[in-house]
PDB file of all heavy atoms in Angstrom:
ATOM      1  N   ALA A   1       0.861  -1.186   0.000  1.00  0.00           N
ATOM      2  CA  ALA A   1       0.000   0.000   0.000  1.00  0.00           C
ATOM      3  C   ALA A   1       0.895   1.233   0.000  1.00  0.00           C
ATOM      4  O   ALA A   1       1.690   1.430   0.919  1.00  0.00           O
ATOM      5  CB  ALA A   1      -0.913   0.004   1.215  1.00  0.00           C
ATOM      6  N   THR A   2       0.793   2.031  -1.044  1.00  0.00           N
ATOM      7  CA  THR A   2       1.653   3.197  -1.216  1.00  0.00           C
ATOM      8  C   THR A   2       0.793   4.455  -1.286  1.00  0.00           C
ATOM      9  O   THR A   2      -0.159   4.511  -2.066  1.00  0.00           O
ATOM     10  CB  THR A   2       2.479   3.058  -2.514  1.00  0.00           C
ATOM     11  OG1 THR A   2       3.210   1.821  -2.455  1.00  0.00           O
ATOM     12  CG2 THR A   2       3.438   4.211  -2.686  1.00  0.00           C
ATOM     13  N   GLN A   3       1.123   5.428  -0.484  1.00  0.00           N
ATOM     14  CA  GLN A   3       0.371   6.676  -0.469  1.00  0.00           C
ATOM     15  C   GLN A   3       0.635   7.462  -1.755  1.00  0.00           C
ATOM     16  O   GLN A   3       1.775   7.665  -2.133  1.00  0.00           O
ATOM     17  CB  GLN A   3       0.772   7.529   0.733  1.00  0.00           C
ATOM     18  CG  GLN A   3       0.081   8.867   0.810  1.00  0.00           C
ATOM     19  CD  GLN A   3      -1.424   8.755   0.925  1.00  0.00           C
ATOM     20  OE1 GLN A   3      -1.932   8.055   1.776  1.00  0.00           O
ATOM     21  NE2 GLN A   3      -2.146   9.458   0.064  1.00  0.00           N
ATOM     22  N   THR A   4      -0.424   7.883  -2.422  1.00  0.00           N
ATOM     23  CA  THR A   4      -0.250   8.752  -3.580  1.00  0.00           C
ATOM     24  C   THR A   4       0.158  10.137  -3.084  1.00  0.00           C
ATOM     25  O   THR A   4      -0.239  10.566  -2.005  1.00  0.00           O
ATOM     26  CB  THR A   4      -1.535   8.844  -4.428  1.00  0.00           C
ATOM     27  OG1 THR A   4      -2.635   9.159  -3.580  1.00  0.00           O
ATOM     28  CG2 THR A   4      -1.816   7.534  -5.143  1.00  0.00           C
ATOM     29  N   ILE A   5       0.973  10.791  -3.877  1.00  0.00           N
ATOM     30  CA  ILE A   5       1.483  12.101  -3.484  1.00  0.00           C
ATOM     31  C   ILE A   5       0.831  13.182  -4.329  1.00  0.00           C
ATOM     32  O   ILE A   5       0.186  12.915  -5.334  1.00  0.00           O
ATOM     33  CB  ILE A   5       3.024  12.175  -3.605  1.00  0.00           C
ATOM     34  CG1 ILE A   5       3.457  11.964  -5.054  1.00  0.00           C
ATOM     35  CG2 ILE A   5       3.685  11.185  -2.676  1.00  0.00           C
ATOM     36  CD1 ILE A   5       4.922  12.255  -5.297  1.00  0.00           C
ATOM     37  N   SER A   6       1.008  14.389  -3.900  1.00  0.00           N
ATOM     38  CA  SER A   6       0.474  15.539  -4.637  1.00  0.00           C
ATOM     39  C   SER A   6       1.483  16.669  -4.555  1.00  0.00           C
ATOM     40  O   SER A   6       2.483  16.578  -3.854  1.00  0.00           O
ATOM     41  CB  SER A   6      -0.861  15.981  -4.015  1.00  0.00           C
ATOM     42  OG  SER A   6      -0.680  16.308  -2.655  1.00  0.00           O
ATOM     43  N   LEU A   7       1.197  17.712  -5.284  1.00  0.00           N
ATOM     44  CA  LEU A   7       1.982  18.937  -5.187  1.00  0.00           C
ATOM     45  C   LEU A   7       1.288  19.863  -4.208  1.00  0.00           C
ATOM     46  O   LEU A   7       0.065  19.973  -4.217  1.00  0.00           O
ATOM     47  CB  LEU A   7       2.089  19.619  -6.556  1.00  0.00           C
ATOM     48  CG  LEU A   7       2.789  18.820  -7.644  1.00  0.00           C
ATOM     49  CD1 LEU A   7       2.685  19.544  -8.977  1.00  0.00           C
ATOM     50  CD2 LEU A   7       4.239  18.577  -7.289  1.00  0.00           C
ATOM     51  N   MET A   8       2.049  20.515  -3.370  1.00  0.00           N
ATOM     52  CA  MET A   8       1.484  21.469  -2.415  1.00  0.00           C
ATOM     53  C   MET A   8       1.943  22.853  -2.832  1.00  0.00           C
ATOM     54  O   MET A   8       3.140  23.084  -2.985  1.00  0.00           O
ATOM     55  CB  MET A   8       1.941  21.151  -0.994  1.00  0.00           C
ATOM     56  CG  MET A   8       1.373  22.080   0.060  1.00  0.00           C
ATOM     57  SD  MET A   8      -0.418  22.085   0.148  1.00  0.00           S
ATOM     58  CE  MET A   8      -0.716  20.869   1.381  1.00  0.00           C
ATOM     59  N   GLY A   9       1.000  23.722  -3.024  1.00  0.00           N
ATOM     60  CA  GLY A   9       1.318  25.071  -3.450  1.00  0.00           C
ATOM     61  C   GLY A   9       1.711  25.981  -2.308  1.00  0.00           C
ATOM     62  O   GLY A   9       1.662  25.610  -1.146  1.00  0.00           O
ATOM     63  N   TYR A  10       2.098  27.130  -2.672  1.00  0.00           N
ATOM     64  CA  TYR A  10       2.424  28.152  -1.700  1.00  0.00           C
ATOM     65  C   TYR A  10       2.082  29.494  -2.320  1.00  0.00           C
ATOM     66  O   TYR A  10       1.916  29.614  -3.525  1.00  0.00           O
ATOM     67  CB  TYR A  10       3.902  28.105  -1.292  1.00  0.00           C
ATOM     68  CG  TYR A  10       4.857  28.276  -2.447  1.00  0.00           C
ATOM     69  CD1 TYR A  10       5.277  29.537  -2.843  1.00  0.00           C
ATOM     70  CD2 TYR A  10       5.330  27.178  -3.158  1.00  0.00           C
ATOM     71  CE1 TYR A  10       6.148  29.695  -3.913  1.00  0.00           C
ATOM     72  CE2 TYR A  10       6.196  27.339  -4.222  1.00  0.00           C
ATOM     73  CZ  TYR A  10       6.601  28.588  -4.589  1.00  0.00           C
ATOM     74  OH  TYR A  10       7.455  28.757  -5.647  1.00  0.00           O
ATOM     75  N   LYS A  11       1.961  30.471  -1.483  1.00  0.00           N
ATOM     76  CA  LYS A  11       1.657  31.810  -1.962  1.00  0.00           C
ATOM     77  C   LYS A  11       2.757  32.735  -1.486  1.00  0.00           C
ATOM     78  O   LYS A  11       3.044  32.808  -0.306  1.00  0.00           O
ATOM     79  CB  LYS A  11       0.296  32.271  -1.441  1.00  0.00           C
ATOM     80  CG  LYS A  11      -0.845  31.425  -1.936  1.00  0.00           C
ATOM     81  CD  LYS A  11      -2.157  31.837  -1.280  1.00  0.00           C
ATOM     82  CE  LYS A  11      -3.277  30.959  -1.752  1.00  0.00           C
ATOM     83  NZ  LYS A  11      -3.600  29.914  -0.825  1.00  0.00           N
ATOM     84  N   MET A  12       3.363  33.408  -2.414  1.00  0.00           N
ATOM     85  CA  MET A  12       4.410  34.359  -2.068  1.00  0.00           C
ATOM     86  C   MET A  12       4.154  35.622  -2.877  1.00  0.00           C
ATOM     87  O   MET A  12       3.898  35.556  -4.074  1.00  0.00           O
ATOM     88  CB  MET A  12       5.786  33.794  -2.415  1.00  0.00           C
ATOM     89  CG  MET A  12       6.914  34.720  -2.017  1.00  0.00           C
ATOM     90  SD  MET A  12       8.530  33.953  -2.199  1.00  0.00           S
ATOM     91  CE  MET A  12       8.774  34.111  -3.953  1.00  0.00           C
ATOM     92  N   LEU A  13       4.191  36.731  -2.212  1.00  0.00           N
ATOM     93  CA  LEU A  13       3.983  38.006  -2.881  1.00  0.00           C
ATOM     94  C   LEU A  13       5.235  38.851  -2.745  1.00  0.00           C
ATOM     95  O   LEU A  13       5.820  38.930  -1.666  1.00  0.00           O
ATOM     96  CB  LEU A  13       2.793  38.746  -2.282  1.00  0.00           C
ATOM     97  CG  LEU A  13       1.454  38.104  -2.576  1.00  0.00           C
ATOM     98  CD1 LEU A  13       0.403  38.578  -1.609  1.00  0.00           C
ATOM     99  CD2 LEU A  13       1.039  38.412  -3.996  1.00  0.00           C
ATOM    100  N   GLY A  14       5.604  39.450  -3.825  1.00  0.00           N
ATOM    101  CA  GLY A  14       6.760  40.330  -3.802  1.00  0.00           C
ATOM    102  C   GLY A  14       6.411  41.650  -4.464  1.00  0.00           C
ATOM    103  O   GLY A  14       5.448  41.743  -5.219  1.00  0.00           O
ATOM    104  N   VAL A  15       7.196  42.633  -4.165  1.00  0.00           N
ATOM    105  CA  VAL A  15       6.986  43.956  -4.743  1.00  0.00           C
ATOM    106  C   VAL A  15       8.225  44.314  -5.557  1.00  0.00           C
ATOM    107  O   VAL A  15       9.351  44.238  -5.055  1.00  0.00           O
ATOM    108  CB  VAL A  15       6.738  45.010  -3.641  1.00  0.00           C
ATOM    109  CG1 VAL A  15       6.662  46.408  -4.232  1.00  0.00           C
ATOM    110  CG2 VAL A  15       5.471  44.674  -2.867  1.00  0.00           C
ATOM    111  N   ASN A  16       8.019  44.676  -6.795  1.00  0.00           N
ATOM    112  CA  ASN A  16       9.114  45.076  -7.669  1.00  0.00           C
ATOM    113  C   ASN A  16       9.708  46.381  -7.152  1.00  0.00           C
ATOM    114  O   ASN A  16       9.001  47.380  -6.981  1.00  0.00           O
ATOM    115  CB  ASN A  16       8.587  45.250  -9.095  1.00  0.00           C
ATOM    116  CG  ASN A  16       9.671  45.567 -10.093  1.00  0.00           C
ATOM    117  OD1 ASN A  16      10.690  46.181  -9.774  1.00  0.00           O
ATOM    118  ND2 ASN A  16       9.446  45.143 -11.326  1.00  0.00           N
ATOM    119  N   LYS A  17      10.997  46.365  -6.909  1.00  0.00           N
ATOM    120  CA  LYS A  17      11.637  47.562  -6.341  1.00  0.00           C
ATOM    121  C   LYS A  17      11.598  48.749  -7.300  1.00  0.00           C
ATOM    122  O   LYS A  17      11.788  49.884  -6.884  1.00  0.00           O
ATOM    123  CB  LYS A  17      13.076  47.258  -5.937  1.00  0.00           C
ATOM    124  CG  LYS A  17      14.021  47.014  -7.105  1.00  0.00           C
ATOM    125  CD  LYS A  17      15.429  46.760  -6.624  1.00  0.00           C
ATOM    126  CE  LYS A  17      16.367  46.594  -7.817  1.00  0.00           C
ATOM    127  NZ  LYS A  17      17.737  46.481  -7.403  1.00  0.00           N
ATOM    128  N   ASN A  18      11.327  48.497  -8.578  1.00  0.00           N
ATOM    129  CA  ASN A  18      11.294  49.572  -9.570  1.00  0.00           C
ATOM    130  C   ASN A  18       9.886  50.104  -9.842  1.00  0.00           C
ATOM    131  O   ASN A  18       9.712  50.925 -10.740  1.00  0.00           O
ATOM    132  CB  ASN A  18      11.927  49.099 -10.885  1.00  0.00           C
ATOM    133  CG  ASN A  18      13.389  48.741 -10.699  1.00  0.00           C
ATOM    134  OD1 ASN A  18      14.131  49.450 -10.033  1.00  0.00           O
ATOM    135  ND2 ASN A  18      13.790  47.619 -11.262  1.00  0.00           N
ATOM    136  N   THR A  19       8.901  49.644  -9.084  1.00  0.00           N
ATOM    137  CA  THR A  19       7.535  50.091  -9.337  1.00  0.00           C
ATOM    138  C   THR A  19       7.397  51.603  -9.131  1.00  0.00           C
ATOM    139  O   THR A  19       8.066  52.193  -8.276  1.00  0.00           O
ATOM    140  CB  THR A  19       6.527  49.345  -8.436  1.00  0.00           C
ATOM    141  OG1 THR A  19       5.205  49.795  -8.769  1.00  0.00           O
ATOM    142  CG2 THR A  19       6.768  49.633  -6.962  1.00  0.00           C
ATOM    143  N   LYS A  20       6.512  52.190  -9.917  1.00  0.00           N
ATOM    144  CA  LYS A  20       6.236  53.620  -9.768  1.00  0.00           C
ATOM    145  C   LYS A  20       5.394  53.882  -8.522  1.00  0.00           C
ATOM    146  O   LYS A  20       5.301  55.011  -8.057  1.00  0.00           O
ATOM    147  CB  LYS A  20       5.498  54.145 -10.998  1.00  0.00           C
ATOM    148  CG  LYS A  20       6.357  54.225 -12.239  1.00  0.00           C
ATOM    149  CD  LYS A  20       5.558  54.585 -13.485  1.00  0.00           C
ATOM    150  CE  LYS A  20       4.860  55.914 -13.373  1.00  0.00           C
ATOM    151  NZ  LYS A  20       4.169  56.332 -14.613  1.00  0.00           N
ATOM    152  N   TYR A  21       4.757  52.824  -7.994  1.00  0.00           N
ATOM    153  CA  TYR A  21       3.826  52.990  -6.879  1.00  0.00           C
ATOM    154  C   TYR A  21       4.186  52.027  -5.734  1.00  0.00           C
ATOM    155  O   TYR A  21       3.398  51.139  -5.381  1.00  0.00           O
ATOM    156  CB  TYR A  21       2.397  52.750  -7.355  1.00  0.00           C
ATOM    157  CG  TYR A  21       2.040  53.616  -8.541  1.00  0.00           C
ATOM    158  CD1 TYR A  21       2.012  53.087  -9.828  1.00  0.00           C
ATOM    159  CD2 TYR A  21       1.761  54.970  -8.367  1.00  0.00           C
ATOM    160  CE1 TYR A  21       1.704  53.887 -10.913  1.00  0.00           C
ATOM    161  CE2 TYR A  21       1.457  55.770  -9.451  1.00  0.00           C
ATOM    162  CZ  TYR A  21       1.435  55.228 -10.727  1.00  0.00           C
ATOM    163  OH  TYR A  21       1.137  56.020 -11.799  1.00  0.00           O
ATOM    164  N   PRO A  22       5.341  52.213  -5.113  1.00  0.00           N
ATOM    165  CA  PRO A  22       5.764  51.261  -4.072  1.00  0.00           C
ATOM    166  C   PRO A  22       4.828  51.217  -2.865  1.00  0.00           C
ATOM    167  O   PRO A  22       4.599  50.142  -2.305  1.00  0.00           O
ATOM    168  CB  PRO A  22       7.154  51.743  -3.685  1.00  0.00           C
ATOM    169  CG  PRO A  22       7.203  53.179  -4.095  1.00  0.00           C
ATOM    170  CD  PRO A  22       6.302  53.294  -5.296  1.00  0.00           C
ATOM    171  N   ASN A  23       4.278  52.332  -2.467  1.00  0.00           N
ATOM    172  CA  ASN A  23       3.392  52.332  -1.297  1.00  0.00           C
ATOM    173  C   ASN A  23       2.121  51.534  -1.573  1.00  0.00           C
ATOM    174  O   ASN A  23       1.662  50.754  -0.732  1.00  0.00           O
ATOM    175  CB  ASN A  23       3.050  53.758  -0.864  1.00  0.00           C
ATOM    176  CG  ASN A  23       4.261  54.480  -0.303  1.00  0.00           C
ATOM    177  OD1 ASN A  23       5.220  53.862   0.143  1.00  0.00           O
ATOM    178  ND2 ASN A  23       4.220  55.811  -0.342  1.00  0.00           N
ATOM    179  N   THR A  24       1.567  51.717  -2.761  1.00  0.00           N
ATOM    180  CA  THR A  24       0.363  50.969  -3.132  1.00  0.00           C
ATOM    181  C   THR A  24       0.674  49.487  -3.254  1.00  0.00           C
ATOM    182  O   THR A  24      -0.096  48.638  -2.781  1.00  0.00           O
ATOM    183  CB  THR A  24      -0.196  51.513  -4.468  1.00  0.00           C
ATOM    184  OG1 THR A  24      -0.471  52.901  -4.324  1.00  0.00           O
ATOM    185  CG2 THR A  24      -1.461  50.772  -4.870  1.00  0.00           C
ATOM    186  N   ALA A  25       1.801  49.161  -3.858  1.00  0.00           N
ATOM    187  CA  ALA A  25       2.187  47.757  -4.025  1.00  0.00           C
ATOM    188  C   ALA A  25       2.402  47.086  -2.666  1.00  0.00           C
ATOM    189  O   ALA A  25       1.960  45.952  -2.440  1.00  0.00           O
ATOM    190  CB  ALA A  25       3.441  47.654  -4.886  1.00  0.00           C
ATOM    191  N   HIS A  26       3.069  47.778  -1.761  1.00  0.00           N
ATOM    192  CA  HIS A  26       3.279  47.222  -0.424  1.00  0.00           C
ATOM    193  C   HIS A  26       1.954  47.060   0.325  1.00  0.00           C
ATOM    194  O   HIS A  26       1.748  46.064   1.032  1.00  0.00           O
ATOM    195  CB  HIS A  26       4.246  48.094   0.389  1.00  0.00           C
ATOM    196  CG  HIS A  26       5.667  47.888   0.020  1.00  0.00           C
ATOM    197  ND1 HIS A  26       6.389  48.793  -0.722  1.00  0.00           N
ATOM    198  CD2 HIS A  26       6.514  46.860   0.271  1.00  0.00           C
ATOM    199  CE1 HIS A  26       7.614  48.348  -0.909  1.00  0.00           C
ATOM    200  NE2 HIS A  26       7.722  47.176  -0.313  1.00  0.00           N
TER     201      HIS A  26
END
């Protein structure tokens, strides 16, 4: 008996340092 595996996602958010709107992005 072998357990089937899956992919586990993640959520990561980043802000581009070159954005014109850093405060809004943050």
